[in-house]
Amino acid sequence: MRSICVFCGSNDGADPRFSDMAEATGRAIARAGLRLVYGGAEAGLMGRMARAAMAEGGEVLGVIPEFLIPTEGLQEGVEPRITATLAARKAIMVEEADAFLVLPGGAGTLEEIFDMIMLRQLGRHDKPAVFVDAEFWEPLETLLLRVVDAGFAQDDVIRTISFHPTPEAGIERLRELCEREPAQTAPQAL
């Protein structure tokens, strides 16, 4: 594993622990000698995480659509990739990462999560994913398991996603999963 793509909010959220967690994630990724791939913004949790990673000497790739730069800003100091669309942004993020880590976020984060899960189910990638802040994500975990139990998603795709209290625990789990032989995922209908 060389790169971790992190999906998270472009604002700070209501709870100060979200900001602390974003900064801890940036530091943990850099200290692990991994490259951070993220949405490129200087705003919110995204910017906090990127700045913390860079302060630790980490390598950071920021991928942002040009139309978002006036509202979210492009984080200074990152390797920038500017795209025309959100779809192009996600495609680059998926391609550049070996694994995914998800922090709290809003509608954009949820959209990225479901796209990442769908692409794995369709066999377009076999990269592992973890969610950090198990308490925040508990309702989503319940929903995902319900979707599996109802027969609408592959059990092996959903049940390989794990939920962790800290960034360090999530990164350790990603390392474990990446050390295994990649699973061959057959394309499935949604």
Protein backbone atom coordinates (compact mmCIF):
# COMPACT_ATOMS: atom_id res chain seq x y z
CA MET A 1 0.00 0.00 0.00
CA ARG A 2 1.42 3.34 -1.11
CA SER A 3 -1.58 5.70 -1.22
CA ILE A 4 -4.77 6.15 0.78
CA CYS A 5 -7.73 8.05 -0.62
CA VAL A 6 -9.66 9.82 2.13
CA PHE A 7 -13.24 10.95 1.67
CA CYS A 8 -14.41 13.58 4.19
CA GLY A 9 -16.28 16.83 4.62
CA SER A 10 -15.47 20.14 2.99
CA ASN A 11 -16.63 21.86 6.18
CA ASP A 12 -15.70 21.24 9.81
CA GLY A 13 -19.03 19.90 11.07
CA ALA A 14 -20.64 20.77 14.38
CA ASP A 15 -18.44 18.68 16.68
CA PRO A 16 -14.81 19.82 17.28
CA ARG A 17 -13.72 16.16 17.47
CA PHE A 18 -14.25 15.91 13.68
CA SER A 19 -11.52 18.51 13.10
CA ASP A 20 -9.22 16.77 15.56
CA MET A 21 -9.83 13.45 13.78
CA ALA A 22 -9.10 14.95 10.36
CA GLU A 23 -5.79 16.36 11.58
CA ALA A 24 -4.90 13.07 13.28
CA THR A 25 -5.66 11.25 10.03
CA GLY A 26 -3.35 13.49 8.01
CA ARG A 27 -0.57 13.02 10.54
CA ALA A 28 -1.07 9.25 10.73
CA ILE A 29 -0.98 8.82 6.95
CA ALA A 30 2.21 10.90 6.66
CA ARG A 31 3.89 9.13 9.59
CA ALA A 32 3.07 5.79 7.97
CA GLY A 33 4.98 6.93 4.88
CA LEU A 34 1.85 6.88 2.73
CA ARG A 35 0.61 9.39 0.17
CA LEU A 36 -2.69 11.10 0.94
CA VAL A 37 -5.10 11.35 -2.00
CA TYR A 38 -8.07 13.61 -1.29
CA GLY A 39 -10.49 16.13 -2.76
CA GLY A 40 -8.00 19.03 -2.97
CA ALA A 41 -9.92 21.62 -0.92
CA GLU A 42 -8.38 23.93 1.64
CA ALA A 43 -11.74 24.20 3.41
CA GLY A 44 -13.14 22.06 6.19
CA LEU A 45 -11.92 18.65 7.25
CA MET A 46 -10.25 18.18 3.88
CA GLY A 47 -7.96 21.17 4.32
CA ARG A 48 -7.19 20.38 7.95
CA MET A 49 -6.19 16.82 7.03
CA ALA A 50 -3.99 17.90 4.10
CA ARG A 51 -2.21 20.59 6.11
CA ALA A 52 -1.53 18.13 8.95
CA ALA A 53 -0.12 15.58 6.49
CA MET A 54 2.13 18.17 4.86
CA ALA A 55 3.29 19.46 8.28
CA GLU A 56 4.52 15.91 8.95
CA GLY A 57 6.39 15.86 5.64
CA GLY A 58 3.76 13.77 3.87
CA GLU A 59 3.06 13.63 0.16
CA VAL A 60 -0.42 14.91 -0.75
CA LEU A 61 -2.33 14.69 -4.03
CA GLY A 62 -5.34 17.03 -4.19
CA VAL A 63 -7.92 16.40 -6.91
CA ILE A 64 -10.53 19.13 -7.34
CA PRO A 65 -12.95 20.23 -10.06
CA GLU A 66 -12.15 23.71 -11.32
CA PHE A 67 -15.66 24.98 -10.50
CA LEU A 68 -15.16 24.18 -6.77
CA ILE A 69 -11.97 26.19 -6.37
CA PRO A 70 -13.79 29.55 -5.81
CA THR A 71 -15.87 28.06 -2.96
CA GLU A 72 -13.59 25.41 -1.38
CA GLY A 73 -10.18 26.75 -2.39
CA LEU A 74 -7.25 24.67 -3.66
CA GLN A 75 -4.95 23.72 -0.78
CA GLU A 76 -1.56 25.35 -1.25
CA GLY A 77 1.38 22.95 -1.25
CA VAL A 78 -0.42 19.85 -2.53
CA GLU A 79 0.26 18.19 -5.86
CA PRO A 80 -2.79 19.57 -7.70
CA ARG A 81 -4.94 17.79 -10.26
CA ILE A 82 -7.70 20.01 -11.56
CA THR A 83 -10.62 18.35 -13.31
CA ALA A 84 -13.69 19.55 -15.18
CA THR A 85 -16.23 17.38 -13.32
CA LEU A 86 -16.90 15.60 -10.05
CA ALA A 87 -16.96 12.29 -11.94
CA ALA A 88 -13.44 12.91 -13.29
CA ARG A 89 -12.30 13.80 -9.77
CA LYS A 90 -13.60 10.52 -8.35
CA ALA A 91 -12.10 8.49 -11.19
CA ILE A 92 -8.64 9.94 -10.54
CA MET A 93 -8.98 9.44 -6.78
CA VAL A 94 -9.96 5.78 -7.24
CA GLU A 95 -7.17 5.20 -9.75
CA GLU A 96 -4.46 6.87 -7.62
CA ALA A 97 -5.33 5.10 -4.35
CA ASP A 98 -4.56 1.62 -3.07
CA ALA A 99 -7.22 1.83 -0.33
CA PHE A 100 -9.97 4.09 1.01
CA LEU A 101 -10.49 5.68 4.41
CA VAL A 102 -13.69 7.57 5.17
CA LEU A 103 -14.09 10.30 7.78
CA PRO A 104 -17.32 12.10 8.69
CA GLY A 105 -18.80 14.22 5.94
CA GLY A 106 -21.99 15.24 4.21
CA ALA A 107 -23.76 14.56 0.93
CA GLY A 108 -20.58 14.69 -1.15
CA THR A 109 -18.86 12.16 1.11
CA LEU A 110 -21.89 9.88 0.97
CA GLU A 111 -21.95 10.09 -2.82
CA GLU A 112 -18.25 9.16 -2.97
CA ILE A 113 -18.79 6.25 -0.57
CA PHE A 114 -21.62 4.74 -2.58
CA ASP A 115 -19.75 5.21 -5.85
CA MET A 116 -16.70 3.44 -4.39
CA ILE A 117 -18.86 0.56 -3.09
CA MET A 118 -20.73 0.24 -6.40
CA LEU A 119 -17.50 0.16 -8.42
CA ARG A 120 -16.15 -2.60 -6.19
CA GLN A 121 -19.36 -4.60 -6.53
CA LEU A 122 -19.13 -4.24 -10.31
CA GLY A 123 -15.55 -5.53 -10.26
CA ARG A 124 -13.96 -2.21 -11.30
CA HIS A 125 -11.59 -2.29 -8.32
CA ASP A 126 -10.81 -4.57 -5.37
CA LYS A 127 -9.43 -1.94 -2.99
CA PRO A 128 -10.32 -2.18 0.70
CA ALA A 129 -12.19 0.51 2.62
CA VAL A 130 -12.47 1.51 6.25
CA PHE A 131 -14.59 4.06 8.05
CA VAL A 132 -13.13 6.05 10.93
CA ASP A 133 -15.38 7.24 13.77
CA ALA A 134 -17.44 4.10 14.19
CA GLU A 135 -19.99 5.97 16.30
CA PHE A 136 -20.71 8.53 13.55
CA TRP A 137 -21.00 5.83 10.87
CA GLU A 138 -23.06 3.32 12.90
CA PRO A 139 -26.36 4.16 11.11
CA LEU A 140 -24.67 3.66 7.72
CA GLU A 141 -23.21 0.32 8.80
CA THR A 142 -26.70 -0.79 9.86
CA LEU A 143 -28.13 0.31 6.50
CA LEU A 144 -25.42 -1.43 4.47
CA LEU A 145 -25.94 -4.71 6.33
CA ARG A 146 -29.70 -4.39 5.80
CA VAL A 147 -29.12 -3.96 2.05
CA VAL A 148 -27.03 -7.17 2.06
CA ASP A 149 -29.58 -9.08 4.14
CA ALA A 150 -32.33 -7.98 1.75
CA GLY A 151 -30.35 -9.39 -1.19
CA PHE A 152 -29.48 -6.10 -2.89
CA ALA A 153 -25.68 -6.16 -2.46
CA GLN A 154 -22.89 -8.69 -2.32
CA ASP A 155 -22.17 -9.92 1.16
CA ASP A 156 -18.40 -10.06 0.57
CA VAL A 157 -18.27 -6.46 -0.68
CA ILE A 158 -20.15 -4.94 2.26
CA ARG A 159 -18.83 -7.16 5.03
CA THR A 160 -15.21 -6.41 4.07
CA ILE A 161 -15.80 -2.75 4.94
CA SER A 162 -14.83 -2.15 8.54
CA PHE A 163 -15.49 0.59 11.07
CA HIS A 164 -12.81 1.89 13.47
CA PRO A 165 -12.57 4.41 16.31
CA THR A 166 -9.24 5.96 15.26
CA PRO A 167 -7.32 6.73 12.05
CA GLU A 168 -4.41 4.58 13.24
CA ALA A 169 -6.67 1.54 13.67
CA GLY A 170 -8.18 2.13 10.23
CA ILE A 171 -4.76 2.45 8.56
CA GLU A 172 -3.54 -0.73 10.28
CA ARG A 173 -6.59 -2.61 8.98
CA LEU A 174 -5.97 -1.30 5.46
CA ARG A 175 -2.36 -2.49 5.66
CA GLU A 176 -3.55 -5.97 6.68
CA LEU A 177 -6.05 -6.11 3.82
CA CYS A 178 -3.58 -4.82 1.23
CA GLU A 179 -1.00 -7.44 2.21
CA ARG A 180 -3.42 -10.20 1.25
CA GLU A 181 -3.75 -11.41 -2.32
CA PRO A 182 -6.29 -9.23 -4.17
CA ALA A 183 -9.69 -10.87 -4.29
CA GLN A 184 -11.11 -11.51 -7.72
CA THR A 185 -14.45 -9.78 -7.74
CA ALA A 186 -16.88 -10.90 -10.42
CA PRO A 187 -19.11 -8.13 -11.78
CA GLN A 188 -22.57 -8.25 -10.23
CA ALA A 189 -25.80 -6.46 -10.93
CA LEU A 190 -26.92 -3.89 -8.40
